C-alpha atoms as a PDB file:
ATOM      1  CA  MET A   1      -0.236  -0.478   0.208  1.00  0.00           C
ATOM      2  CA  SER A   2       2.885   1.858  -0.118  1.00  0.00           C
ATOM      3  CA  ASP A   3       3.520   2.459  -2.917  1.00  0.00           C
ATOM      4  CA  ARG A   4       0.409   4.259  -4.468  1.00  0.00           C
ATOM      5  CA  PRO A   5       1.215   7.859  -3.023  1.00  0.00           C
ATOM      6  CA  ASN A   6       4.024   7.604  -4.872  1.00  0.00           C
ATOM      7  CA  LEU A   7       2.313   6.051  -8.430  1.00  0.00           C
ATOM      8  CA  ALA A   8      -0.089   8.536  -7.290  1.00  0.00           C
ATOM      9  CA  ARG A   9       2.070  11.204  -7.416  1.00  0.00           C
ATOM     10  CA  ASN A  10       4.340  10.264 -10.072  1.00  0.00           C
ATOM     11  CA  LEU A  11       1.385  10.109 -12.435  1.00  0.00           C
ATOM     12  CA  THR A  12       0.008  14.184 -12.467  1.00  0.00           C
ATOM     13  CA  VAL A  13      -0.194  15.888 -15.003  1.00  0.00           C
ATOM     14  CA  THR A  14       3.095  17.899 -15.190  1.00  0.00           C
ATOM     15  CA  GLY A  15       4.685  14.207 -14.521  1.00  0.00           C
ATOM     16  CA  VAL A  16       2.846  13.110 -18.037  1.00  0.00           C
ATOM     17  CA  VAL A  17       3.803  15.640 -19.710  1.00  0.00           C
ATOM     18  CA  LEU A  18       7.109  15.519 -18.209  1.00  0.00           C
ATOM     19  CA  TRP A  19       7.504  12.177 -19.746  1.00  0.00           C
ATOM     20  CA  VAL A  20       5.935  13.014 -23.163  1.00  0.00           C
ATOM     21  CA  LEU A  21       8.632  16.566 -23.714  1.00  0.00           C
ATOM     22  CA  GLN A  22      11.424  13.657 -22.837  1.00  0.00           C
ATOM     23  CA  VAL A  23      10.669  11.478 -25.296  1.00  0.00           C
ATOM     24  CA  VAL A  24      10.235  13.393 -27.834  1.00  0.00           C
ATOM     25  CA  LEU A  25      13.642  15.068 -27.295  1.00  0.00           C
ATOM     26  CA  ALA A  26      14.804  11.950 -27.303  1.00  0.00           C
ATOM     27  CA  ALA A  27      13.882  10.963 -30.724  1.00  0.00           C
ATOM     28  CA  GLU A  28      14.297  14.278 -31.723  1.00  0.00           C
ATOM     29  CA  PHE A  29      18.154  13.921 -30.527  1.00  0.00           C
ATOM     30  CA  LEU A  30      18.162  10.264 -31.775  1.00  0.00           C
ATOM     31  CA  TYR A  31      17.720  11.299 -34.625  1.00  0.00           C
ATOM     32  CA  SER A  32      19.952  14.389 -34.954  1.00  0.00           C
ATOM     33  CA  GLY A  33      23.007  11.403 -33.465  1.00  0.00           C
ATOM     34  CA  TYR A  34      21.562   9.991 -36.588  1.00  0.00           C
ATOM     35  CA  LEU A  35      22.083  12.708 -38.280  1.00  0.00           C
ATOM     36  CA  LEU A  36      25.873  13.577 -37.398  1.00  0.00           C
ATOM     37  CA  PHE A  37      27.262   9.916 -37.639  1.00  0.00           C
ATOM     38  CA  SER A  38      25.652   8.988 -41.298  1.00  0.00           C
ATOM     39  CA  GLY A  39      27.420  12.736 -42.514  1.00  0.00           C
ATOM     40  CA  GLY A  40      25.575  13.925 -45.159  1.00  0.00           C
ATOM     41  CA  ASP A  41      24.919  17.603 -45.040  1.00  0.00           C
ATOM     42  CA  THR A  42      26.379  17.932 -41.250  1.00  0.00           C
ATOM     43  CA  VAL A  43      29.835  16.946 -42.679  1.00  0.00           C
ATOM     44  CA  ASP A  44      29.722  20.854 -45.285  1.00  0.00           C
ATOM     45  CA  THR A  45      28.118  22.651 -41.775  1.00  0.00           C
ATOM     46  CA  PHE A  46      30.612  21.454 -39.611  1.00  0.00           C
ATOM     47  CA  GLU A  47      33.600  22.233 -42.284  1.00  0.00           C
ATOM     48  CA  GLN A  48      32.024  26.136 -41.763  1.00  0.00           C
ATOM     49  CA  LEU A  49      33.199  26.025 -38.547  1.00  0.00           C
ATOM     50  CA  GLY A  50      36.484  24.764 -39.016  1.00  0.00           C
ATOM     51  CA  LEU A  51      36.608  22.637 -36.291  1.00  0.00           C
ATOM     52  CA  GLY A  52      37.595  19.403 -37.991  1.00  0.00           C
ATOM     53  CA  GLN A  53      34.955  16.882 -38.596  1.00  0.00           C
ATOM     54  CA  TRP A  54      36.437  15.248 -34.297  1.00  0.00           C
ATOM     55  CA  LEU A  55      33.163  18.248 -33.445  1.00  0.00           C
ATOM     56  CA  ARG A  56      30.684  16.203 -35.023  1.00  0.00           C
ATOM     57  CA  TYR A  57      30.941  12.899 -33.654  1.00  0.00           C
ATOM     58  CA  LEU A  58      31.785  14.592 -30.295  1.00  0.00           C
ATOM     59  CA  THR A  59      28.276  15.905 -30.566  1.00  0.00           C
ATOM     60  CA  GLY A  60      26.574  13.455 -32.243  1.00  0.00           C
ATOM     61  CA  VAL A  61      27.572  10.788 -28.876  1.00  0.00           C
ATOM     62  CA  LEU A  62      26.788  14.007 -26.655  1.00  0.00           C
ATOM     63  CA  GLU A  63      22.888  13.846 -28.801  1.00  0.00           C
ATOM     64  CA  VAL A  64      22.580  10.556 -28.143  1.00  0.00           C
ATOM     65  CA  ALA A  65      23.529   9.859 -24.463  1.00  0.00           C
ATOM     66  CA  GLY A  66      21.604  12.712 -24.164  1.00  0.00           C
ATOM     67  CA  ALA A  67      18.745  11.018 -25.392  1.00  0.00           C
ATOM     68  CA  ILE A  68      19.367   8.023 -23.673  1.00  0.00           C
ATOM     69  CA  GLY A  69      19.256   9.849 -20.420  1.00  0.00           C
ATOM     70  CA  LEU A  70      16.523  11.446 -20.746  1.00  0.00           C
ATOM     71  CA  LEU A  71      14.338   8.453 -20.940  1.00  0.00           C
ATOM     72  CA  ILE A  72      16.563   6.691 -17.677  1.00  0.00           C
ATOM     73  CA  PRO A  73      14.512   8.700 -14.373  1.00  0.00           C
ATOM     74  CA  ARG A  74      17.541   9.265 -12.480  1.00  0.00           C
ATOM     75  CA  LEU A  75      19.218  10.182 -14.669  1.00  0.00           C
ATOM     76  CA  ALA A  76      16.898  12.431 -17.103  1.00  0.00           C
ATOM     77  CA  GLY A  77      17.151  16.397 -15.230  1.00  0.00           C
ATOM     78  CA  LEU A  78      21.273  15.402 -15.763  1.00  0.00           C
ATOM     79  CA  ALA A  79      20.698  14.367 -19.228  1.00  0.00           C
ATOM     80  CA  ALA A  80      18.874  17.010 -20.581  1.00  0.00           C
ATOM     81  CA  LEU A  81      20.708  20.372 -18.347  1.00  0.00           C
ATOM     82  CA  GLY A  82      23.638  18.330 -20.720  1.00  0.00           C
ATOM     83  CA  LEU A  83      21.738  18.780 -23.637  1.00  0.00           C
ATOM     84  CA  ALA A  84      20.813  21.989 -23.758  1.00  0.00           C
ATOM     85  CA  GLY A  85      24.374  23.475 -22.663  1.00  0.00           C
ATOM     86  CA  VAL A  86      25.005  21.659 -26.177  1.00  0.00           C
ATOM     87  CA  MET A  87      21.656  23.935 -27.372  1.00  0.00           C
ATOM     88  CA  VAL A  88      23.584  26.978 -26.355  1.00  0.00           C
ATOM     89  CA  GLY A  89      26.461  26.210 -28.225  1.00  0.00           C
ATOM     90  CA  ALA A  90      24.240  24.794 -30.998  1.00  0.00           C
ATOM     91  CA  THR A  91      22.960  28.523 -31.088  1.00  0.00           C
ATOM     92  CA  ALA A  92      25.831  30.781 -30.674  1.00  0.00           C
ATOM     93  CA  THR A  93      27.160  28.503 -33.877  1.00  0.00           C
ATOM     94  CA  GLU A  94      24.272  28.933 -35.860  1.00  0.00           C
ATOM     95  CA  ILE A  95      23.533  32.904 -35.273  1.00  0.00           C
ATOM     96  CA  PHE A  96      27.370  33.820 -34.925  1.00  0.00           C
ATOM     97  CA  VAL A  97      29.379  31.097 -37.024  1.00  0.00           C
ATOM     98  CA  LEU A  98      27.458  29.530 -39.918  1.00  0.00           C
ATOM     99  CA  GLU A  99      26.837  31.701 -43.248  1.00  0.00           C
ATOM    100  CA  ASP A 100      22.942  30.225 -43.284  1.00  0.00           C
ATOM    101  CA  GLY A 101      21.954  29.481 -39.684  1.00  0.00           C
ATOM    102  CA  SER A 102      18.135  29.522 -38.689  1.00  0.00           C
ATOM    103  CA  PRO A 103      18.721  29.360 -34.454  1.00  0.00           C
ATOM    104  CA  VAL A 104      15.646  28.472 -34.149  1.00  0.00           C
ATOM    105  CA  LEU A 105      14.727  24.998 -34.129  1.00  0.00           C
ATOM    106  CA  PRO A 106      18.718  24.699 -31.377  1.00  0.00           C
ATOM    107  CA  LEU A 107      17.091  27.214 -29.342  1.00  0.00           C
ATOM    108  CA  ILE A 108      13.450  25.928 -29.012  1.00  0.00           C
ATOM    109  CA  LEU A 109      15.298  22.335 -27.796  1.00  0.00           C
ATOM    110  CA  LEU A 110      17.433  24.708 -25.660  1.00  0.00           C
ATOM    111  CA  LEU A 111      14.182  26.468 -23.992  1.00  0.00           C
ATOM    112  CA  VAL A 112      12.586  22.813 -24.106  1.00  0.00           C
ATOM    113  CA  CYS A 113      15.464  20.914 -22.562  1.00  0.00           C
ATOM    114  CA  ALA A 114      16.004  23.587 -19.540  1.00  0.00           C
ATOM    115  CA  GLY A 115      12.346  23.630 -18.999  1.00  0.00           C
ATOM    116  CA  VAL A 116      12.192  19.656 -18.650  1.00  0.00           C
ATOM    117  CA  ALA A 117      15.989  20.093 -16.419  1.00  0.00           C
ATOM    118  CA  TRP A 118      13.540  22.532 -14.126  1.00  0.00           C
ATOM    119  CA  PHE A 119      11.428  20.463 -13.513  1.00  0.00           C
ATOM    120  CA  ARG A 120      14.049  17.726 -12.284  1.00  0.00           C
ATOM    121  CA  ARG A 121      15.964  19.411 -10.878  1.00  0.00           C
ATOM    122  CA  ALA A 122      15.490  17.299  -7.434  1.00  0.00           C
ATOM    123  CA  SER A 123      16.874  14.148  -9.001  1.00  0.00           C
ATOM    124  CA  THR A 124      20.009  15.826 -10.395  1.00  0.00           C
ATOM    125  CA  LEU A 125      20.434  17.446  -6.523  1.00  0.00           C
ATOM    126  CA  ALA A 126      20.106  13.674  -5.673  1.00  0.00           C
ATOM    127  CA  LEU A 127      22.329  12.116  -7.320  1.00  0.00           C
ATOM    128  CA  LEU A 128      24.506  14.794  -7.517  1.00  0.00           C
ATOM    129  CA  GLY A 129      24.062  14.085  -3.595  1.00  0.00           C
ATOM    130  CA  ARG A 130      22.244  17.297  -2.406  1.00  0.00           C
END
């Protein structure tokens, strides 16, 4: 019987919305990671940065790892925080570096990741031992 209050607390509207957002974000970042690893247009984009293709692979690893982390309850807040950091870099790159860049998608992803990180901050703090 002691599990019922926890179950009811986890099934709040906010909890359901957060999980839906996390699943959508995970799908987006898995797809983006796939595109980064498969090459195509991303090779040209990272060539414009002038830092080499290692950054494309690093970004792909961070996005796939973050996507997986979003689906693990204990890691979801920390993963969202990390992905928000990646999106800060992506937004800045789109604005200041790329000639034909559009910061709209990375900015939206940044805001959603930041929101998930905020609402999952208790699990992040618990994970960090605070």
